[in-house]
C-alpha atoms as a PDB file:
ATOM      1  CA  MET A   1      -0.591  34.953 -16.386  1.00  0.00           C
ATOM      2  CA  LYS A   2      -0.245  38.685 -14.986  1.00  0.00           C
ATOM      3  CA  VAL A   3       1.994  41.092 -16.886  1.00  0.00           C
ATOM      4  CA  ARG A   4       3.955  43.359 -14.445  1.00  0.00           C
ATOM      5  CA  VAL A   5       4.095  47.071 -15.295  1.00  0.00           C
ATOM      6  CA  LYS A   6       7.349  48.677 -14.352  1.00  0.00           C
ATOM      7  CA  LYS A   7       6.650  51.527 -12.147  1.00  0.00           C
ATOM      8  CA  LYS A   8       8.342  54.859 -13.298  1.00  0.00           C
ATOM      9  CA  ASN A   9      10.232  57.021 -11.104  1.00  0.00           C
ATOM     10  CA  PRO A  10       8.536  60.442 -10.929  1.00  0.00           C
ATOM     11  CA  ARG A  11      11.716  62.065 -10.808  1.00  0.00           C
ATOM     12  CA  ARG A  12      12.604  60.690 -14.181  1.00  0.00           C
ATOM     13  CA  ILE A  13       9.361  61.794 -15.951  1.00  0.00           C
ATOM     14  CA  PRO A  14       9.992  64.770 -17.931  1.00  0.00           C
ATOM     15  CA  ALA A  15       7.983  67.992 -17.043  1.00  0.00           C
ATOM     16  CA  SER A  16       6.898  70.485 -19.711  1.00  0.00           C
ATOM     17  CA  MET A  17       7.368  74.167 -18.863  1.00  0.00           C
ATOM     18  CA  GLN A  18       3.712  74.557 -18.409  1.00  0.00           C
ATOM     19  CA  ASP A  19       4.078  71.893 -15.530  1.00  0.00           C
ATOM     20  CA  VAL A  20       6.896  73.724 -14.011  1.00  0.00           C
ATOM     21  CA  ARG A  21       4.995  77.068 -14.303  1.00  0.00           C
ATOM     22  CA  LYS A  22       1.898  75.754 -12.748  1.00  0.00           C
ATOM     23  CA  ALA A  23       3.957  74.206  -9.808  1.00  0.00           C
ATOM     24  CA  ALA A  24       5.645  77.741  -9.434  1.00  0.00           C
ATOM     25  CA  LYS A  25       2.319  79.254  -9.228  1.00  0.00           C
ATOM     26  CA  ASP A  26       0.647  76.930  -7.016  1.00  0.00           C
ATOM     27  CA  GLY A  27       3.555  77.225  -4.525  1.00  0.00           C
ATOM     28  CA  SER A  28       3.524  81.025  -4.979  1.00  0.00           C
ATOM     29  CA  ASP A  29      -0.185  81.041  -4.048  1.00  0.00           C
ATOM     30  CA  ARG A  30       0.191  78.906  -1.180  1.00  0.00           C
ATOM     31  CA  GLY A  31       2.765  81.059   0.361  1.00  0.00           C
ATOM     32  CA  VAL A  32       0.754  84.061  -0.148  1.00  0.00           C
ATOM     33  CA  LYS A  33      -2.411  82.488   1.466  1.00  0.00           C
ATOM     34  CA  LEU A  34      -0.404  81.112   4.324  1.00  0.00           C
ATOM     35  CA  ALA A  35       1.313  84.595   4.850  1.00  0.00           C
ATOM     36  CA  LEU A  36      -2.220  86.308   4.939  1.00  0.00           C
ATOM     37  CA  ALA A  37      -3.725  83.809   7.114  1.00  0.00           C
ATOM     38  CA  ILE A  38      -0.833  84.210   9.626  1.00  0.00           C
ATOM     39  CA  MET A  39      -0.969  87.960   9.521  1.00  0.00           C
ATOM     40  CA  LEU A  40      -4.451  88.265   9.910  1.00  0.00           C
ATOM     41  CA  MET A  41      -4.520  85.638  12.761  1.00  0.00           C
ATOM     42  CA  VAL A  42      -1.915  87.638  14.654  1.00  0.00           C
ATOM     43  CA  LEU A  43      -4.021  90.724  14.324  1.00  0.00           C
ATOM     44  CA  LYS A  44      -7.117  88.653  15.709  1.00  0.00           C
ATOM     45  CA  ASP A  45      -5.354  86.746  18.397  1.00  0.00           C
ATOM     46  CA  GLY A  46      -2.471  88.788  19.222  1.00  0.00           C
ATOM     47  CA  PHE A  47      -4.011  92.314  19.170  1.00  0.00           C
ATOM     48  CA  ASP A  48      -7.637  91.462  19.799  1.00  0.00           C
ATOM     49  CA  PHE A  49      -8.734  92.736  16.478  1.00  0.00           C
ATOM     50  CA  THR A  50     -12.557  92.428  16.138  1.00  0.00           C
ATOM     51  CA  GLU A  51     -14.472  90.855  13.353  1.00  0.00           C
ATOM     52  CA  TYR A  52     -15.115  94.530  11.950  1.00  0.00           C
ATOM     53  CA  GLN A  53     -11.422  95.684  12.173  1.00  0.00           C
ATOM     54  CA  ILE A  54     -10.164  92.366  10.622  1.00  0.00           C
ATOM     55  CA  LYS A  55     -12.709  92.820   7.676  1.00  0.00           C
ATOM     56  CA  ARG A  56     -11.517  96.520   7.295  1.00  0.00           C
ATOM     57  CA  VAL A  57      -7.915  95.418   7.000  1.00  0.00           C
ATOM     58  CA  TRP A  58      -8.906  92.724   4.531  1.00  0.00           C
ATOM     59  CA  GLU A  59     -10.621  95.585   2.350  1.00  0.00           C
ATOM     60  CA  ARG A  60      -7.356  97.631   2.498  1.00  0.00           C
ATOM     61  CA  VAL A  61      -5.197  94.556   1.519  1.00  0.00           C
ATOM     62  CA  GLU A  62      -7.631  93.842  -1.350  1.00  0.00           C
ATOM     63  CA  LYS A  63      -7.524  97.700  -2.603  1.00  0.00           C
ATOM     64  CA  LEU A  64      -3.722  97.762  -2.198  1.00  0.00           C
ATOM     65  CA  SER A  65      -3.269  94.490  -4.134  1.00  0.00           C
ATOM     66  CA  GLY A  66      -5.579  96.077  -6.929  1.00  0.00           C
ATOM     67  CA  GLU A  67      -3.372  98.967  -6.976  1.00  0.00           C
ATOM     68  CA  VAL A  68      -0.206  96.613  -7.510  1.00  0.00           C
ATOM     69  CA  ALA A  69      -1.982  94.749 -10.111  1.00  0.00           C
ATOM     70  CA  GLU A  70      -3.194  98.125 -12.141  1.00  0.00           C
ATOM     71  CA  GLY A  71       0.695  99.170 -11.870  1.00  0.00           C
ATOM     72  CA  ARG A  72      -0.058 102.214  -9.759  1.00  0.00           C
ATOM     73  CA  ILE A  73       2.357 100.981  -7.212  1.00  0.00           C
ATOM     74  CA  SER A  74       4.993  98.297  -7.001  1.00  0.00           C
ATOM     75  CA  VAL A  75       5.881  95.731  -4.672  1.00  0.00           C
ATOM     76  CA  ASN A  76       9.554  97.247  -4.449  1.00  0.00           C
ATOM     77  CA  ASP A  77       7.757 100.472  -3.481  1.00  0.00           C
ATOM     78  CA  LEU A  78       5.954  98.803  -0.495  1.00  0.00           C
ATOM     79  CA  CYS A  79       8.939  96.727   0.743  1.00  0.00           C
ATOM     80  CA  GLY A  80      10.758 100.180   0.536  1.00  0.00           C
ATOM     81  CA  ALA A  81       8.338 102.164   2.418  1.00  0.00           C
ATOM     82  CA  LEU A  82       8.271  99.424   5.071  1.00  0.00           C
ATOM     83  CA  LEU A  83      11.968  99.630   5.429  1.00  0.00           C
ATOM     84  CA  ASP A  84      12.347 103.318   5.306  1.00  0.00           C
ATOM     85  CA  ASP A  85       9.410 103.929   7.892  1.00  0.00           C
ATOM     86  CA  TYR A  86       9.493 100.754  10.222  1.00  0.00           C
ATOM     87  CA  ASN A  87      12.960  99.139   9.487  1.00  0.00           C
ATOM     88  CA  ILE A  88      10.984  95.948   8.364  1.00  0.00           C
ATOM     89  CA  ASP A  89      13.363  94.255   5.406  1.00  0.00           C
ATOM     90  CA  LEU A  90      11.198  91.912   3.338  1.00  0.00           C
ATOM     91  CA  THR A  91      14.257  91.060   0.803  1.00  0.00           C
END
């Protein structure tokens, strides 16, 4: 005779703070990757950037990301510069 195991509702399974933090980080990482992929494809397809130009843009993105990670510039500084110079509001 088979014993039926009652399925648990996934919404009722408690999540630890570690699980919540991991889910938030995974979602954030995915969002950043998506935004970068869209930006690079727009440059490639919409503005006919060459492979060389795309790689140069990527090198600049990595350099600026490093400066943010090191604390030399903040994301708020970058957003403020885009708003002031180009009226692009990223808030």
